[in-house]
Amino acid sequence: RRIATGVAASDLLQEDRAEDGRDLDDAERAALRRVLTRAGGNVSQAADLLGISRATLYRKMKKLSIN
């Protein structure tokens, strides 16, 4: 009955979820590292591949501690 009301399975199973978005940060960090690798470390090219500005990419890199 609770599943029919739209309760998340993880809530029903009382699974622990990462607090404060750590899983999302890890996923974003991995995605940025992949695109930077594809771009050969060229930040301008990586930003272009992502469809964001170079400044935005630098802000994301700083937030996620990617050097």
Protein backbone atom coordinates (compact mmCIF):
# COMPACT_ATOMS: atom_id res chain seq x y z
CA ARG A 1 0.00 0.00 0.00
CA ARG A 2 2.83 2.45 0.84
CA ILE A 3 4.58 1.72 -2.46
CA ALA A 4 1.37 2.60 -4.32
CA THR A 5 1.42 6.04 -2.67
CA GLY A 6 4.81 6.81 -4.18
CA VAL A 7 7.16 6.30 -1.24
CA ALA A 8 10.75 5.77 -2.33
CA ALA A 9 11.99 2.19 -1.97
CA SER A 10 15.05 3.37 -0.03
CA ASP A 11 12.72 4.96 2.53
CA LEU A 12 10.72 1.76 2.88
CA LEU A 13 13.88 -0.31 3.24
CA GLN A 14 15.40 2.28 5.56
CA GLU A 15 18.60 2.34 3.55
CA ASP A 16 21.20 4.87 4.51
CA ARG A 17 21.71 7.56 1.93
CA ALA A 18 24.69 9.85 1.72
CA GLU A 19 23.98 13.10 3.48
CA ASP A 20 24.46 16.56 2.01
CA GLY A 21 24.73 15.45 -1.64
CA ARG A 22 28.05 13.60 -1.47
CA ASP A 23 26.91 11.03 -4.04
CA LEU A 24 25.96 13.81 -6.44
CA ASP A 25 29.29 15.56 -5.87
CA ASP A 26 31.14 12.31 -6.53
CA ALA A 27 29.21 11.77 -9.76
CA GLU A 28 29.83 15.33 -10.92
CA ARG A 29 33.52 15.07 -10.02
CA ALA A 30 33.84 11.86 -12.06
CA ALA A 31 32.04 13.40 -15.03
CA LEU A 32 34.29 16.47 -14.98
CA ARG A 33 37.41 14.34 -14.76
CA ARG A 34 36.25 12.26 -17.74
CA VAL A 35 35.58 15.28 -19.93
CA LEU A 36 38.86 16.92 -18.91
CA THR A 37 40.68 13.73 -19.85
CA ARG A 38 38.90 13.62 -23.22
CA ALA A 39 39.92 17.24 -23.79
CA GLY A 40 43.53 16.47 -22.92
CA GLY A 41 43.36 18.81 -19.93
CA ASN A 42 42.21 21.74 -22.07
CA VAL A 43 39.66 23.52 -19.87
CA SER A 44 38.24 25.62 -22.71
CA GLN A 45 37.62 22.54 -24.82
CA ALA A 46 36.14 20.63 -21.88
CA ALA A 47 33.77 23.50 -21.12
CA ASP A 48 32.73 23.57 -24.77
CA LEU A 49 32.05 19.83 -24.72
CA LEU A 50 29.88 20.31 -21.62
CA GLY A 51 28.07 23.31 -23.09
CA ILE A 52 29.09 25.60 -20.23
CA SER A 53 31.38 28.59 -19.96
CA ARG A 54 35.01 28.22 -19.01
CA ALA A 55 34.35 30.32 -15.89
CA THR A 56 31.55 27.97 -14.84
CA LEU A 57 33.80 24.97 -15.32
CA TYR A 58 36.51 26.60 -13.22
CA ARG A 59 33.94 27.30 -10.45
CA LYS A 60 32.79 23.67 -10.53
CA MET A 61 36.38 22.45 -10.45
CA LYS A 62 37.12 24.64 -7.43
CA LYS A 63 33.95 23.51 -5.62
CA LEU A 64 34.80 19.85 -6.24
CA SER A 65 38.56 20.23 -5.54
CA ILE A 66 39.65 19.25 -9.03
CA ASN A 67 43.05 20.67 -9.88
